[in-house]
Amino acid sequence: MISLGQLPERPEDLLSLERRLEREWWWVNGALHAVAQLQAEGPRTIRELDAQARNIDRMRVAIAMRLAQLACPADPGPRS
């Protein structure tokens, strides 16, 4: 982790660092929320989070497959 005394000087580097830190903050904040929810609600919440993770994974796979299709269209067949 970078310290406050080691901040980059260039604006584009600062913006890049800001975006990275925002992603990390959202991840940590989400993890803390999930832990608190698990402590409060127990096994039902674990099943719900697991189902949500599976659904998100399916969407990620579908997006990756669609991107691959768009990047490499199907072979139109033999050329004459």
N, C-alpha and C. Protein backbone atom coordinates (compact mmCIF):
# COMPACT_ATOMS: atom_id res chain seq x y z
N MET A 1 0.84 -1.18 0.00
CA MET A 1 0.00 0.00 0.00
C MET A 1 0.89 1.24 0.00
N ILE A 2 0.47 2.21 -0.73
CA ILE A 2 1.22 3.46 -0.83
C ILE A 2 0.87 4.35 0.38
N SER A 3 1.86 5.09 0.86
CA SER A 3 1.59 5.98 1.99
C SER A 3 1.25 7.37 1.47
N LEU A 4 0.68 8.18 2.34
CA LEU A 4 0.29 9.53 1.93
C LEU A 4 1.49 10.36 1.48
N GLY A 5 2.67 10.08 2.04
CA GLY A 5 3.87 10.81 1.66
C GLY A 5 4.45 10.38 0.32
N GLN A 6 3.93 9.30 -0.25
CA GLN A 6 4.45 8.76 -1.51
C GLN A 6 3.47 8.93 -2.68
N LEU A 7 2.58 9.89 -2.60
CA LEU A 7 1.60 10.08 -3.67
C LEU A 7 2.30 10.50 -4.95
N PRO A 8 1.82 9.99 -6.09
CA PRO A 8 2.42 10.38 -7.38
C PRO A 8 2.23 11.88 -7.64
N GLU A 9 3.04 12.40 -8.51
CA GLU A 9 2.98 13.82 -8.83
C GLU A 9 2.10 14.09 -10.06
N ARG A 10 2.10 13.16 -11.01
CA ARG A 10 1.37 13.38 -12.26
C ARG A 10 -0.12 13.15 -12.06
N PRO A 11 -0.97 14.02 -12.61
CA PRO A 11 -2.43 13.88 -12.45
C PRO A 11 -2.95 12.52 -12.93
N GLU A 12 -2.44 12.01 -14.06
CA GLU A 12 -2.92 10.73 -14.57
C GLU A 12 -2.57 9.57 -13.63
N ASP A 13 -1.41 9.67 -12.97
CA ASP A 13 -1.03 8.65 -11.98
C ASP A 13 -1.92 8.73 -10.74
N LEU A 14 -2.24 9.96 -10.34
CA LEU A 14 -3.12 10.14 -9.20
C LEU A 14 -4.52 9.60 -9.50
N LEU A 15 -5.02 9.85 -10.70
CA LEU A 15 -6.34 9.34 -11.09
C LEU A 15 -6.35 7.82 -11.13
N SER A 16 -5.29 7.24 -11.65
CA SER A 16 -5.18 5.78 -11.70
C SER A 16 -5.18 5.19 -10.29
N LEU A 17 -4.41 5.80 -9.42
CA LEU A 17 -4.36 5.36 -8.03
C LEU A 17 -5.72 5.52 -7.36
N GLU A 18 -6.38 6.63 -7.64
CA GLU A 18 -7.70 6.86 -7.07
C GLU A 18 -8.69 5.78 -7.50
N ARG A 19 -8.68 5.42 -8.78
CA ARG A 19 -9.57 4.35 -9.27
C ARG A 19 -9.27 3.02 -8.60
N ARG A 20 -7.98 2.71 -8.46
CA ARG A 20 -7.60 1.45 -7.81
C ARG A 20 -8.06 1.42 -6.36
N LEU A 21 -7.85 2.52 -5.65
CA LEU A 21 -8.26 2.59 -4.25
C LEU A 21 -9.77 2.53 -4.10
N GLU A 22 -10.49 3.11 -5.04
CA GLU A 22 -11.95 3.04 -4.99
C GLU A 22 -12.42 1.59 -5.14
N ARG A 23 -11.83 0.85 -6.10
CA ARG A 23 -12.18 -0.57 -6.26
C ARG A 23 -11.87 -1.35 -5.00
N GLU A 24 -10.70 -1.09 -4.41
CA GLU A 24 -10.33 -1.79 -3.15
C GLU A 24 -11.29 -1.44 -2.03
N TRP A 25 -11.68 -0.16 -1.93
CA TRP A 25 -12.59 0.26 -0.87
C TRP A 25 -13.92 -0.45 -1.01
N TRP A 26 -14.46 -0.49 -2.25
CA TRP A 26 -15.74 -1.16 -2.45
C TRP A 26 -15.64 -2.63 -2.11
N TRP A 27 -14.54 -3.29 -2.47
CA TRP A 27 -14.37 -4.71 -2.16
C TRP A 27 -14.34 -4.93 -0.65
N VAL A 28 -13.52 -4.14 0.05
CA VAL A 28 -13.41 -4.30 1.51
C VAL A 28 -14.74 -3.97 2.19
N ASN A 29 -15.37 -2.89 1.76
CA ASN A 29 -16.65 -2.51 2.34
C ASN A 29 -17.69 -3.62 2.12
N GLY A 30 -17.74 -4.20 0.94
CA GLY A 30 -18.66 -5.29 0.65
C GLY A 30 -18.36 -6.51 1.50
N ALA A 31 -17.07 -6.82 1.66
CA ALA A 31 -16.69 -7.97 2.48
C ALA A 31 -17.10 -7.75 3.94
N LEU A 32 -16.87 -6.55 4.45
CA LEU A 32 -17.27 -6.25 5.83
C LEU A 32 -18.78 -6.37 6.00
N HIS A 33 -19.52 -5.88 5.04
CA HIS A 33 -20.97 -5.97 5.09
C HIS A 33 -21.41 -7.44 5.07
N ALA A 34 -20.79 -8.24 4.20
CA ALA A 34 -21.14 -9.67 4.12
C ALA A 34 -20.86 -10.38 5.44
N VAL A 35 -19.72 -10.08 6.06
CA VAL A 35 -19.39 -10.71 7.34
C VAL A 35 -20.41 -10.33 8.40
N ALA A 36 -20.76 -9.06 8.45
CA ALA A 36 -21.75 -8.62 9.44
C ALA A 36 -23.09 -9.29 9.19
N GLN A 37 -23.47 -9.41 7.94
CA GLN A 37 -24.73 -10.06 7.60
C GLN A 37 -24.70 -11.54 7.98
N LEU A 38 -23.59 -12.20 7.73
CA LEU A 38 -23.46 -13.61 8.11
C LEU A 38 -23.57 -13.79 9.61
N GLN A 39 -22.93 -12.91 10.36
CA GLN A 39 -22.99 -13.01 11.81
C GLN A 39 -24.41 -12.79 12.32
N ALA A 40 -25.14 -11.94 11.65
CA ALA A 40 -26.50 -11.62 12.10
C ALA A 40 -27.53 -12.66 11.65
N GLU A 41 -27.37 -13.19 10.45
CA GLU A 41 -28.43 -14.02 9.88
C GLU A 41 -28.08 -15.49 9.70
N GLY A 42 -26.79 -15.83 9.70
CA GLY A 42 -26.39 -17.23 9.68
C GLY A 42 -26.48 -17.93 8.34
N PRO A 43 -26.77 -19.26 8.37
CA PRO A 43 -26.68 -20.13 7.19
C PRO A 43 -27.55 -19.71 6.00
N ARG A 44 -28.71 -19.15 6.26
CA ARG A 44 -29.57 -18.72 5.14
C ARG A 44 -28.84 -17.70 4.28
N THR A 45 -28.13 -16.79 4.92
CA THR A 45 -27.39 -15.76 4.19
C THR A 45 -26.25 -16.37 3.39
N ILE A 46 -25.59 -17.37 3.94
CA ILE A 46 -24.51 -18.04 3.21
C ILE A 46 -25.05 -18.63 1.92
N ARG A 47 -26.20 -19.30 1.99
CA ARG A 47 -26.80 -19.89 0.79
C ARG A 47 -27.16 -18.80 -0.23
N GLU A 48 -27.71 -17.68 0.26
CA GLU A 48 -28.07 -16.59 -0.64
C GLU A 48 -26.84 -15.98 -1.30
N LEU A 49 -25.78 -15.76 -0.54
CA LEU A 49 -24.55 -15.21 -1.11
C LEU A 49 -23.92 -16.18 -2.11
N ASP A 50 -23.99 -17.47 -1.81
CA ASP A 50 -23.46 -18.48 -2.72
C ASP A 50 -24.24 -18.46 -4.04
N ALA A 51 -25.57 -18.38 -3.96
CA ALA A 51 -26.40 -18.32 -5.16
C ALA A 51 -26.09 -17.05 -5.96
N GLN A 52 -25.90 -15.94 -5.27
CA GLN A 52 -25.58 -14.69 -5.94
C GLN A 52 -24.23 -14.80 -6.64
N ALA A 53 -23.25 -15.41 -5.98
CA ALA A 53 -21.92 -15.57 -6.59
C ALA A 53 -22.01 -16.45 -7.85
N ARG A 54 -22.80 -17.51 -7.80
CA ARG A 54 -22.97 -18.38 -8.97
C ARG A 54 -23.62 -17.63 -10.13
N ASN A 55 -24.64 -16.82 -9.82
CA ASN A 55 -25.29 -16.04 -10.87
C ASN A 55 -24.34 -15.03 -11.50
N ILE A 56 -23.56 -14.37 -10.69
CA ILE A 56 -22.58 -13.41 -11.21
C ILE A 56 -21.54 -14.12 -12.07
N ASP A 57 -21.10 -15.29 -11.62
CA ASP A 57 -20.12 -16.06 -12.39
C ASP A 57 -20.70 -16.46 -13.75
N ARG A 58 -21.96 -16.88 -13.78
CA ARG A 58 -22.60 -17.24 -15.06
C ARG A 58 -22.63 -16.04 -16.00
N MET A 59 -22.95 -14.86 -15.46
CA MET A 59 -22.97 -13.65 -16.29
C MET A 59 -21.58 -13.31 -16.81
N ARG A 60 -20.56 -13.47 -15.98
CA ARG A 60 -19.19 -13.19 -16.41
C ARG A 60 -18.79 -14.12 -17.54
N VAL A 61 -19.16 -15.41 -17.43
CA VAL A 61 -18.84 -16.38 -18.49
C VAL A 61 -19.59 -16.01 -19.76
N ALA A 62 -20.88 -15.66 -19.64
CA ALA A 62 -21.66 -15.28 -20.81
C ALA A 62 -21.07 -14.05 -21.50
N ILE A 63 -20.64 -13.07 -20.72
CA ILE A 63 -20.02 -11.87 -21.29
C ILE A 63 -18.72 -12.22 -21.99
N ALA A 64 -17.88 -13.05 -21.35
CA ALA A 64 -16.61 -13.45 -21.96
C ALA A 64 -16.85 -14.19 -23.27
N MET A 65 -17.86 -15.07 -23.30
CA MET A 65 -18.15 -15.82 -24.54
C MET A 65 -18.65 -14.87 -25.62
N ARG A 66 -19.49 -13.91 -25.26
CA ARG A 66 -20.00 -12.96 -26.25
C ARG A 66 -18.87 -12.08 -26.78
N LEU A 67 -17.98 -11.65 -25.91
CA LEU A 67 -16.82 -10.86 -26.36
C LEU A 67 -15.96 -11.67 -27.33
N ALA A 68 -15.77 -12.95 -27.03
CA ALA A 68 -14.98 -13.81 -27.91
C ALA A 68 -15.68 -13.96 -29.27
N GLN A 69 -17.00 -14.10 -29.27
CA GLN A 69 -17.74 -14.20 -30.53
C GLN A 69 -17.60 -12.93 -31.35
N LEU A 70 -17.67 -11.79 -30.69
CA LEU A 70 -17.55 -10.52 -31.40
C LEU A 70 -16.13 -10.30 -31.92
N ALA A 71 -15.14 -10.78 -31.18
CA ALA A 71 -13.75 -10.60 -31.59
C ALA A 71 -13.38 -11.53 -32.74
N CYS A 72 -13.95 -12.72 -32.76
CA CYS A 72 -13.63 -13.74 -33.77
C CYS A 72 -14.93 -14.28 -34.34
N PRO A 73 -15.53 -13.60 -35.31
CA PRO A 73 -16.79 -14.09 -35.87
C PRO A 73 -16.64 -15.50 -36.42
N ALA A 74 -17.73 -16.23 -36.47
CA ALA A 74 -17.70 -17.61 -36.96
C ALA A 74 -17.16 -17.65 -38.38
N ASP A 75 -16.48 -18.72 -38.70
CA ASP A 75 -15.93 -18.93 -40.04
C ASP A 75 -17.09 -19.03 -41.03
N PRO A 76 -17.09 -18.22 -42.07
CA PRO A 76 -18.20 -18.23 -43.02
C PRO A 76 -18.20 -19.49 -43.90
N GLY A 77 -17.22 -20.33 -43.80
CA GLY A 77 -17.17 -21.55 -44.61
C GLY A 77 -16.10 -21.47 -45.67
N PRO A 78 -16.01 -22.51 -46.50
CA PRO A 78 -14.96 -22.52 -47.54
C PRO A 78 -15.17 -21.42 -48.57
N ARG A 79 -14.05 -20.90 -49.03
CA ARG A 79 -14.11 -19.84 -50.05
C ARG A 79 -13.99 -20.48 -51.42
N SER A 80 -14.69 -19.89 -52.37
CA SER A 80 -14.64 -20.43 -53.74
C SER A 80 -13.60 -19.73 -54.56
